[in-house]
Amino acid sequence: MTPVPRILIVIGTRPEAIKMAPVHDALRHLEPAFETKIALSGQHLDLVEPALDIFGLAPDYRLNVMREGQDVADVVSRVLRGVRGILREAAPDVLLVQGDTATVFAASLAGFLEKVKVGHVEAGLRSHDRHAPFPEEILRRLTDVASEYHFAPTIRARDELLQENTSPDSVFVTGNTVVDALLSVARRQRPVRDPSLAEIQSRVRGDEARLVLLTAHRREAFGPPLAEIFRAVRDVVDAHPDVCVLYPVHPNPNVLVPAREWLADHPRIRLTEPLDYLDLVAALETAALVMTDSGGIQEEAPTFATPVLVLRDVTERPEGVEAGVAELVGTDRRLIAERARAALSREPGLEPPRNPYGDGRAGERIADILAADLLGRTRRCEDWAG
């Protein structure tokens, strides 16, 4: 009898939990199911636990690496040591990581050093600027070097890997698992919990307002660039009397302090605590426009055909720009306000752009690939065509 393969999924942050949930679910539903365990690094604390609960994920191992005042090097060193110990105890056949965080890189390095096959979900994303986003651009490149399975979310990501001489036999185009997660969550009918979102959502349904969702927190924007973004947001709201902005503010003082300084006194700009994932999905579905420097939200908004202004100079997710659902505007006040006005002036009812990031079957494809390799099965799922 063929032994059941063991899979260890390492998660550090909320986006990793969300994007790994469909993979975990697909592995669990294989017949026979893989023996799948989850290790939580603790890189995120308050944000990650609610996401785990939403998708019914229960960690088997907890590293609790978070320390006050730590930097990326501290996280990498603690996760490397912690995951090494888990690998020696659990003896998995494959270690799965997702994305480009310090947890992802450190876990992939631990897997390589312990001679465990590493699978990188969302492999091949590139901005081609080693400092933007920082440090993610380098962390994801290094993770790809350590990996033996490269689960590329798009054809472009696959091509980036092939141009770096990654073995074609190790690269699979799966679509992005975030689309799987979004579609799953969108089917749930739970009233939103955030009171500001609930109020704006009610006004949107009554055709009294339009929602603009703002998320801005990247290190590259700290200081004058973030102030420019906030001034542009005020310009947009002042130019459109029906627009309300909802801004779930990152708790980092480099974001929170200027956000309060520039935006808190405007009656149609609501600063809130970070939204739980179900509320975030509801906000994306309700919004007339998203303004963000987040990588994940660039992928999530197209599921609802919500236009996105990317508050960065470069992006590792150009597919949205090419598909017409996203636009790079950087942190220039005039350009942000100009392009926001253009997006808000579009006629409703136009044919929405196609979603360039997936079809909701990425987790299934990843499980299918692992079953074919580890159990010798014939693959049932073709690579995603994009």
Protein backbone atom coordinates (compact mmCIF):
# COMPACT_ATOMS: atom_id res chain seq x y z
CA MET A 1 0.00 0.00 0.00
CA THR A 2 1.36 3.41 -1.01
CA PRO A 3 1.99 5.53 2.10
CA VAL A 4 -0.11 8.68 2.40
CA PRO A 5 2.07 11.71 1.55
CA ARG A 6 2.68 14.24 4.30
CA ILE A 7 2.31 17.93 3.53
CA LEU A 8 3.34 20.78 5.84
CA ILE A 9 1.80 24.20 5.10
CA VAL A 10 3.59 27.15 6.70
CA ILE A 11 1.59 30.36 7.25
CA GLY A 12 2.81 33.67 8.63
CA THR A 13 0.36 36.42 7.70
CA ARG A 14 -3.33 36.94 6.96
CA PRO A 15 -2.91 36.90 3.16
CA GLU A 16 -1.03 33.61 3.41
CA ALA A 17 -3.86 32.09 5.46
CA ILE A 18 -6.46 33.24 2.95
CA LYS A 19 -4.54 32.04 -0.09
CA MET A 20 -3.51 28.72 1.44
CA ALA A 21 -7.02 27.82 2.60
CA PRO A 22 -8.14 26.56 -0.85
CA VAL A 23 -4.98 24.45 -1.13
CA HIS A 24 -5.52 22.91 2.30
CA ASP A 25 -9.16 22.23 1.44
CA ALA A 26 -8.29 20.57 -1.87
CA LEU A 27 -5.60 18.38 -0.28
CA ARG A 28 -8.00 17.35 2.48
CA HIS A 29 -10.63 16.25 -0.05
CA LEU A 30 -8.31 14.05 -2.09
CA GLU A 31 -9.05 10.33 -1.88
CA PRO A 32 -7.16 9.17 0.03
CA ALA A 33 -6.58 12.54 1.67
CA PHE A 34 -3.02 13.69 2.17
CA GLU A 35 -1.82 14.01 5.75
CA THR A 36 -1.76 17.79 5.90
CA LYS A 37 -0.52 19.85 8.84
CA ILE A 38 -0.27 23.60 9.36
CA ALA A 39 2.52 25.55 11.06
CA LEU A 40 1.78 29.15 12.08
CA SER A 41 4.86 31.34 12.46
CA GLY A 42 3.16 34.18 14.33
CA GLN A 43 4.46 36.91 11.99
CA HIS A 44 0.92 38.31 12.18
CA LEU A 45 -0.96 37.90 15.46
CA ASP A 46 -4.35 39.61 15.69
CA LEU A 47 -4.91 39.66 11.92
CA VAL A 48 -4.21 36.03 11.10
CA GLU A 49 -6.34 34.22 13.68
CA PRO A 50 -9.73 35.48 12.39
CA ALA A 51 -8.74 34.48 8.85
CA LEU A 52 -7.86 31.00 10.03
CA ASP A 53 -11.24 30.76 11.76
CA ILE A 54 -13.14 31.84 8.64
CA PHE A 55 -11.69 28.97 6.65
CA GLY A 56 -11.67 26.42 9.48
CA LEU A 57 -7.88 26.15 9.63
CA ALA A 58 -6.40 24.88 12.91
CA PRO A 59 -2.61 25.14 13.28
CA ASP A 60 -0.81 22.01 14.42
CA TYR A 61 2.34 23.97 15.30
CA ARG A 62 2.82 27.54 16.57
CA LEU A 63 6.17 29.30 16.57
CA ASN A 64 5.11 32.66 18.10
CA VAL A 65 8.04 34.53 16.55
CA MET A 66 6.54 38.02 16.99
CA ARG A 67 8.59 40.38 19.18
CA GLU A 68 8.16 44.09 19.76
CA GLY A 69 10.58 46.15 17.67
CA GLN A 70 11.75 43.24 15.53
CA ASP A 71 12.87 43.64 11.94
CA VAL A 72 12.82 41.33 8.93
CA ALA A 73 16.13 39.71 9.86
CA ASP A 74 14.76 38.82 13.31
CA VAL A 75 11.69 37.16 11.79
CA VAL A 76 13.75 35.24 9.25
CA SER A 77 16.16 33.87 11.86
CA ARG A 78 13.39 32.77 14.26
CA VAL A 79 11.26 31.17 11.54
CA LEU A 80 14.28 29.38 10.07
CA ARG A 81 15.12 27.77 13.39
CA GLY A 82 11.50 27.05 14.27
CA VAL A 83 10.53 25.49 10.94
CA ARG A 84 13.70 23.40 10.94
CA GLY A 85 12.60 21.87 14.22
CA ILE A 86 9.09 21.18 12.90
CA LEU A 87 10.47 19.54 9.75
CA ARG A 88 12.63 17.22 11.81
CA GLU A 89 9.62 16.23 13.93
CA ALA A 90 6.93 16.02 11.23
CA ALA A 91 9.09 14.62 8.38
CA PRO A 92 6.85 15.90 5.57
CA ASP A 93 7.29 14.96 1.92
CA VAL A 94 6.51 18.52 0.81
CA LEU A 95 6.64 21.94 2.48
CA LEU A 96 4.20 24.48 0.99
CA VAL A 97 4.57 28.26 1.30
CA GLN A 98 2.70 31.13 -0.34
CA GLY A 99 3.80 34.57 -1.39
CA ASP A 100 6.77 36.73 -0.43
CA THR A 101 6.96 37.36 3.31
CA ALA A 102 9.83 36.81 5.72
CA THR A 103 8.05 33.66 6.90
CA VAL A 104 7.82 32.33 3.33
CA PHE A 105 11.50 32.83 2.57
CA ALA A 106 12.73 31.47 5.92
CA ALA A 107 10.50 28.40 5.71
CA SER A 108 11.58 27.66 2.14
CA LEU A 109 15.23 27.94 3.17
CA ALA A 110 14.61 25.57 6.09
CA GLY A 111 12.99 23.11 3.70
CA PHE A 112 15.92 23.27 1.33
CA LEU A 113 18.45 22.78 4.13
CA GLU A 114 16.49 19.79 5.48
CA LYS A 115 16.18 18.33 1.95
CA VAL A 116 12.39 18.56 1.92
CA LYS A 117 10.71 19.44 -1.37
CA VAL A 118 9.42 23.03 -1.30
CA GLY A 119 6.33 24.12 -3.22
CA HIS A 120 5.88 27.86 -3.78
CA VAL A 121 2.29 28.96 -4.29
CA GLU A 122 2.17 32.26 -6.23
CA ALA A 123 5.62 31.76 -7.72
CA GLY A 124 7.10 33.96 -10.42
CA LEU A 125 5.81 37.41 -9.47
CA ARG A 126 8.36 40.08 -10.39
CA SER A 127 8.46 43.89 -10.28
CA HIS A 128 12.09 43.93 -11.53
CA ASP A 129 12.90 46.56 -8.91
CA ARG A 130 14.74 44.98 -5.99
CA HIS A 131 13.62 47.80 -3.68
CA ALA A 132 9.93 47.92 -4.67
CA PRO A 133 8.19 46.31 -2.99
CA PHE A 134 10.80 46.05 -0.25
CA PRO A 135 11.80 43.46 0.89
CA GLU A 136 9.24 41.28 -0.89
CA GLU A 137 10.80 41.39 -4.36
CA ILE A 138 13.99 39.72 -3.13
CA LEU A 139 12.24 37.35 -0.71
CA ARG A 140 10.04 35.86 -3.45
CA ARG A 141 12.96 35.48 -5.84
CA LEU A 142 14.96 33.62 -3.20
CA THR A 143 11.94 31.46 -2.37
CA ASP A 144 11.64 30.45 -6.02
CA VAL A 145 15.33 29.45 -6.07
CA ALA A 146 14.77 27.17 -3.06
CA SER A 147 11.59 25.60 -4.48
CA GLU A 148 11.05 22.42 -6.50
CA TYR A 149 7.40 23.10 -7.32
CA HIS A 150 6.57 26.51 -8.79
CA PHE A 151 2.81 27.15 -8.78
CA ALA A 152 2.62 30.20 -11.01
CA PRO A 153 -0.68 32.10 -10.80
CA THR A 154 -0.57 33.39 -14.38
CA ILE A 155 1.11 32.76 -17.71
CA ARG A 156 3.20 35.89 -17.22
CA ALA A 157 4.48 34.58 -13.90
CA ARG A 158 5.35 31.27 -15.60
CA ASP A 159 7.26 33.14 -18.30
CA GLU A 160 9.19 35.12 -15.69
CA LEU A 161 10.34 31.85 -14.11
CA LEU A 162 11.32 30.32 -17.44
CA GLN A 163 13.36 33.42 -18.32
CA GLU A 164 15.31 32.82 -15.10
CA ASN A 165 16.13 29.28 -16.29
CA THR A 166 13.76 27.57 -13.88
CA SER A 167 13.16 24.00 -15.04
CA PRO A 168 9.98 23.93 -17.17
CA ASP A 169 9.05 20.60 -15.57
CA SER A 170 8.74 22.33 -12.18
CA VAL A 171 6.49 25.21 -13.33
CA PHE A 172 2.68 24.91 -13.35
CA VAL A 173 0.12 27.60 -14.16
CA THR A 174 -2.67 27.23 -11.62
CA GLY A 175 -4.46 30.57 -11.38
CA ASN A 176 -4.37 32.45 -8.11
CA THR A 177 -5.82 30.77 -5.04
CA VAL A 178 -7.17 34.12 -3.83
CA VAL A 179 -9.92 33.84 -6.44
CA ASP A 180 -10.92 30.47 -4.96
CA ALA A 181 -11.06 32.03 -1.50
CA LEU A 182 -13.01 35.09 -2.63
CA LEU A 183 -15.64 33.08 -4.45
CA SER A 184 -16.05 30.87 -1.41
CA VAL A 185 -16.47 33.81 0.95
CA ALA A 186 -18.73 35.82 -1.38
CA ARG A 187 -21.29 33.01 -1.26
CA ARG A 188 -21.75 33.52 2.49
CA GLN A 189 -24.56 35.84 3.50
CA ARG A 190 -23.23 37.46 6.68
CA PRO A 191 -24.05 41.11 7.52
CA VAL A 192 -20.95 43.27 7.76
CA ARG A 193 -19.63 43.96 11.25
CA ASP A 194 -17.78 47.24 10.78
CA PRO A 195 -20.31 50.02 11.55
CA SER A 196 -18.81 52.53 9.11
CA LEU A 197 -18.91 50.01 6.27
CA ALA A 198 -22.47 49.01 7.18
CA GLU A 199 -23.62 52.64 7.07
CA ILE A 200 -21.94 53.38 3.74
CA GLN A 201 -23.17 50.09 2.27
CA SER A 202 -26.74 51.03 3.21
CA ARG A 203 -26.38 54.40 1.49
CA VAL A 204 -24.90 52.75 -1.60
CA ARG A 205 -27.88 50.40 -1.82
CA GLY A 206 -30.18 53.41 -1.64
CA ASP A 207 -28.28 55.14 -4.47
CA GLU A 208 -27.30 57.90 -2.07
CA ALA A 209 -23.54 57.34 -2.14
CA ARG A 210 -20.62 55.58 -3.80
CA LEU A 211 -17.90 53.81 -1.88
CA VAL A 212 -14.19 54.26 -2.52
CA LEU A 213 -12.07 51.75 -0.60
CA LEU A 214 -8.59 52.99 0.32
CA THR A 215 -5.73 50.83 1.58
CA ALA A 216 -2.22 52.28 1.90
CA HIS A 217 0.51 50.97 4.17
CA ARG A 218 3.70 50.15 2.24
CA ARG A 219 7.08 51.13 3.65
CA GLU A 220 8.08 52.83 0.40
CA ALA A 221 5.28 55.38 0.88
CA PHE A 222 6.10 56.42 4.45
CA GLY A 223 6.58 60.17 4.78
CA PRO A 224 5.86 62.66 1.96
CA PRO A 225 4.51 60.07 -0.55
CA LEU A 226 1.79 58.99 1.90
CA ALA A 227 0.89 62.62 2.56
CA GLU A 228 0.50 63.10 -1.22
CA ILE A 229 -1.85 60.11 -1.37
CA PHE A 230 -3.97 61.47 1.47
CA ARG A 231 -4.16 64.94 -0.09
CA ALA A 232 -5.29 63.34 -3.36
CA VAL A 233 -7.99 61.39 -1.52
CA ARG A 234 -9.37 64.63 -0.08
CA ASP A 235 -9.34 66.14 -3.57
CA VAL A 236 -11.36 63.22 -4.91
CA VAL A 237 -13.95 63.37 -2.15
CA ASP A 238 -14.32 67.14 -2.49
CA ALA A 239 -14.84 66.77 -6.25
CA HIS A 240 -17.59 64.12 -5.86
CA PRO A 241 -20.27 64.98 -3.27
CA ASP A 242 -21.67 61.42 -3.35
CA VAL A 243 -18.33 59.68 -2.67
CA CYS A 244 -17.54 58.21 0.74
CA VAL A 245 -14.07 56.83 1.47
CA LEU A 246 -13.53 53.91 3.81
CA TYR A 247 -9.93 53.54 4.98
CA PRO A 248 -9.05 50.54 7.20
CA VAL A 249 -5.88 52.00 8.68
CA HIS A 250 -2.80 49.88 9.32
CA PRO A 251 -1.78 50.25 13.00
CA ASN A 252 1.83 51.19 12.13
CA PRO A 253 2.36 54.75 13.50
CA ASN A 254 3.99 55.73 10.18
CA VAL A 255 0.55 55.24 8.65
CA LEU A 256 -1.86 55.90 11.50
CA VAL A 257 -0.50 59.30 12.54
CA PRO A 258 -0.54 60.97 9.09
CA ALA A 259 -3.88 59.31 8.27
CA ARG A 260 -5.46 60.99 11.27
CA GLU A 261 -3.72 64.28 10.48
CA TRP A 262 -4.86 64.46 6.85
CA LEU A 263 -8.15 62.58 6.76
CA ALA A 264 -9.84 62.24 10.15
CA ASP A 265 -11.66 65.59 10.06
CA HIS A 266 -13.48 65.00 6.74
CA PRO A 267 -17.14 63.99 7.19
CA ARG A 268 -17.13 61.58 4.22
CA ILE A 269 -13.84 59.85 5.01
CA ARG A 270 -14.09 57.08 7.58
CA LEU A 271 -10.97 55.71 9.26
CA THR A 272 -11.58 52.27 10.72
CA GLU A 273 -9.73 49.40 12.32
CA PRO A 274 -8.46 46.77 9.83
CA LEU A 275 -11.48 44.92 8.46
CA ASP A 276 -11.96 41.23 9.01
CA TYR A 277 -11.77 39.27 5.77
CA LEU A 278 -15.52 38.87 5.29
CA ASP A 279 -15.99 42.63 5.65
CA LEU A 280 -13.11 43.28 3.28
CA VAL A 281 -14.72 41.08 0.63
CA ALA A 282 -18.03 42.92 1.14
CA ALA A 283 -16.24 46.26 0.75
CA LEU A 284 -14.54 45.14 -2.48
CA GLU A 285 -17.88 43.96 -3.85
CA THR A 286 -19.63 47.22 -2.89
CA ALA A 287 -16.92 49.68 -3.97
CA ALA A 288 -17.12 51.81 -7.07
CA LEU A 289 -13.33 52.23 -6.93
CA VAL A 290 -10.39 50.83 -4.97
CA MET A 291 -7.24 52.85 -4.30
CA THR A 292 -4.50 50.62 -2.93
CA ASP A 293 -0.80 49.86 -2.62
CA SER A 294 -1.59 46.28 -1.60
CA GLY A 295 -0.49 43.44 -3.85
CA GLY A 296 -3.30 41.12 -2.78
CA ILE A 297 -6.10 43.61 -3.33
CA GLN A 298 -4.88 44.14 -6.90
CA GLU A 299 -5.81 40.48 -7.42
CA GLU A 300 -9.00 40.49 -5.36
CA ALA A 301 -10.84 43.48 -6.83
CA PRO A 302 -11.01 42.08 -10.40
CA THR A 303 -13.11 39.19 -9.12
CA PHE A 304 -15.88 41.78 -8.67
CA ALA A 305 -14.87 43.87 -11.73
CA THR A 306 -14.04 46.75 -9.36
CA PRO A 307 -11.55 49.20 -10.92
CA VAL A 308 -8.26 49.70 -9.07
CA LEU A 309 -5.82 52.58 -8.86
CA VAL A 310 -2.46 51.14 -7.79
CA LEU A 311 -0.66 53.61 -5.52
CA ARG A 312 2.79 52.37 -6.54
CA ASP A 313 5.27 53.12 -9.31
CA VAL A 314 5.78 49.45 -10.24
CA THR A 315 3.75 46.31 -9.77
CA GLU A 316 4.53 42.60 -9.85
CA ARG A 317 0.92 42.05 -10.96
CA PRO A 318 0.76 43.73 -14.38
CA GLU A 319 -2.00 41.41 -15.61
CA GLY A 320 -4.64 43.67 -14.07
CA VAL A 321 -3.23 46.70 -15.85
CA GLU A 322 -3.17 44.83 -19.16
CA ALA A 323 -6.74 43.59 -18.65
CA GLY A 324 -7.96 47.14 -18.01
CA VAL A 325 -9.11 46.65 -14.42
CA ALA A 326 -6.10 48.35 -12.77
CA GLU A 327 -4.00 51.44 -13.43
CA LEU A 328 -0.61 52.44 -12.01
CA VAL A 329 -0.75 55.97 -10.61
CA GLY A 330 2.11 56.06 -8.10
CA THR A 331 1.92 58.63 -5.30
CA ASP A 332 1.53 61.80 -7.36
CA ARG A 333 -1.36 63.85 -5.96
CA ARG A 334 -2.47 65.32 -9.28
CA LEU A 335 -2.38 62.02 -11.18
CA ILE A 336 -4.21 60.10 -8.46
CA ALA A 337 -7.01 62.65 -8.33
CA GLU A 338 -7.23 62.86 -12.11
CA ARG A 339 -7.45 59.12 -12.67
CA ALA A 340 -9.87 58.65 -9.76
CA ARG A 341 -12.20 61.23 -11.30
CA ALA A 342 -11.96 59.40 -14.64
CA ALA A 343 -12.75 56.04 -13.04
CA LEU A 344 -15.70 57.45 -11.12
CA SER A 345 -17.05 59.06 -14.29
CA ARG A 346 -17.28 55.82 -16.26
CA GLU A 347 -20.72 54.87 -17.43
CA PRO A 348 -22.26 51.98 -15.46
CA GLY A 349 -23.27 48.84 -17.29
CA LEU A 350 -20.18 48.55 -19.46
CA GLU A 351 -18.86 45.04 -20.08
CA PRO A 352 -16.50 44.31 -17.15
CA PRO A 353 -12.93 43.26 -17.93
CA ARG A 354 -12.18 39.56 -17.59
CA ASN A 355 -10.52 38.43 -14.39
CA PRO A 356 -6.87 37.85 -15.30
CA TYR A 357 -6.03 36.06 -12.05
CA GLY A 358 -7.98 32.84 -11.99
CA ASP A 359 -11.17 30.81 -12.30
CA GLY A 360 -11.61 29.49 -8.76
CA ARG A 361 -9.88 26.12 -9.28
CA ALA A 362 -6.28 26.93 -8.33
CA GLY A 363 -6.30 24.92 -5.10
CA GLU A 364 -7.70 21.92 -6.95
CA ARG A 365 -4.93 22.15 -9.55
CA ILE A 366 -2.19 22.34 -6.91
CA ALA A 367 -3.53 19.27 -5.11
CA ASP A 368 -3.81 17.45 -8.44
CA ILE A 369 -0.17 18.23 -9.32
CA LEU A 370 1.07 16.97 -5.95
CA ALA A 371 -1.02 13.80 -6.23
CA ALA A 372 0.39 13.11 -9.69
CA ASP A 373 3.97 13.56 -8.51
CA LEU A 374 3.78 11.88 -5.10
CA LEU A 375 1.29 9.12 -5.89
CA GLY A 376 1.94 8.56 -9.59
CA ARG A 377 -1.60 9.48 -10.57
CA THR A 378 -2.59 10.81 -13.95
CA ARG A 379 -3.33 14.50 -13.74
CA ARG A 380 -7.01 15.32 -13.92
CA CYS A 381 -6.67 19.11 -14.24
CA GLU A 382 -5.01 20.98 -17.07
CA ASP A 383 -2.94 24.07 -16.32
CA TRP A 384 -4.98 27.27 -16.26
CA ALA A 385 -5.01 28.89 -19.69
CA GLY A 386 -5.32 32.43 -18.39
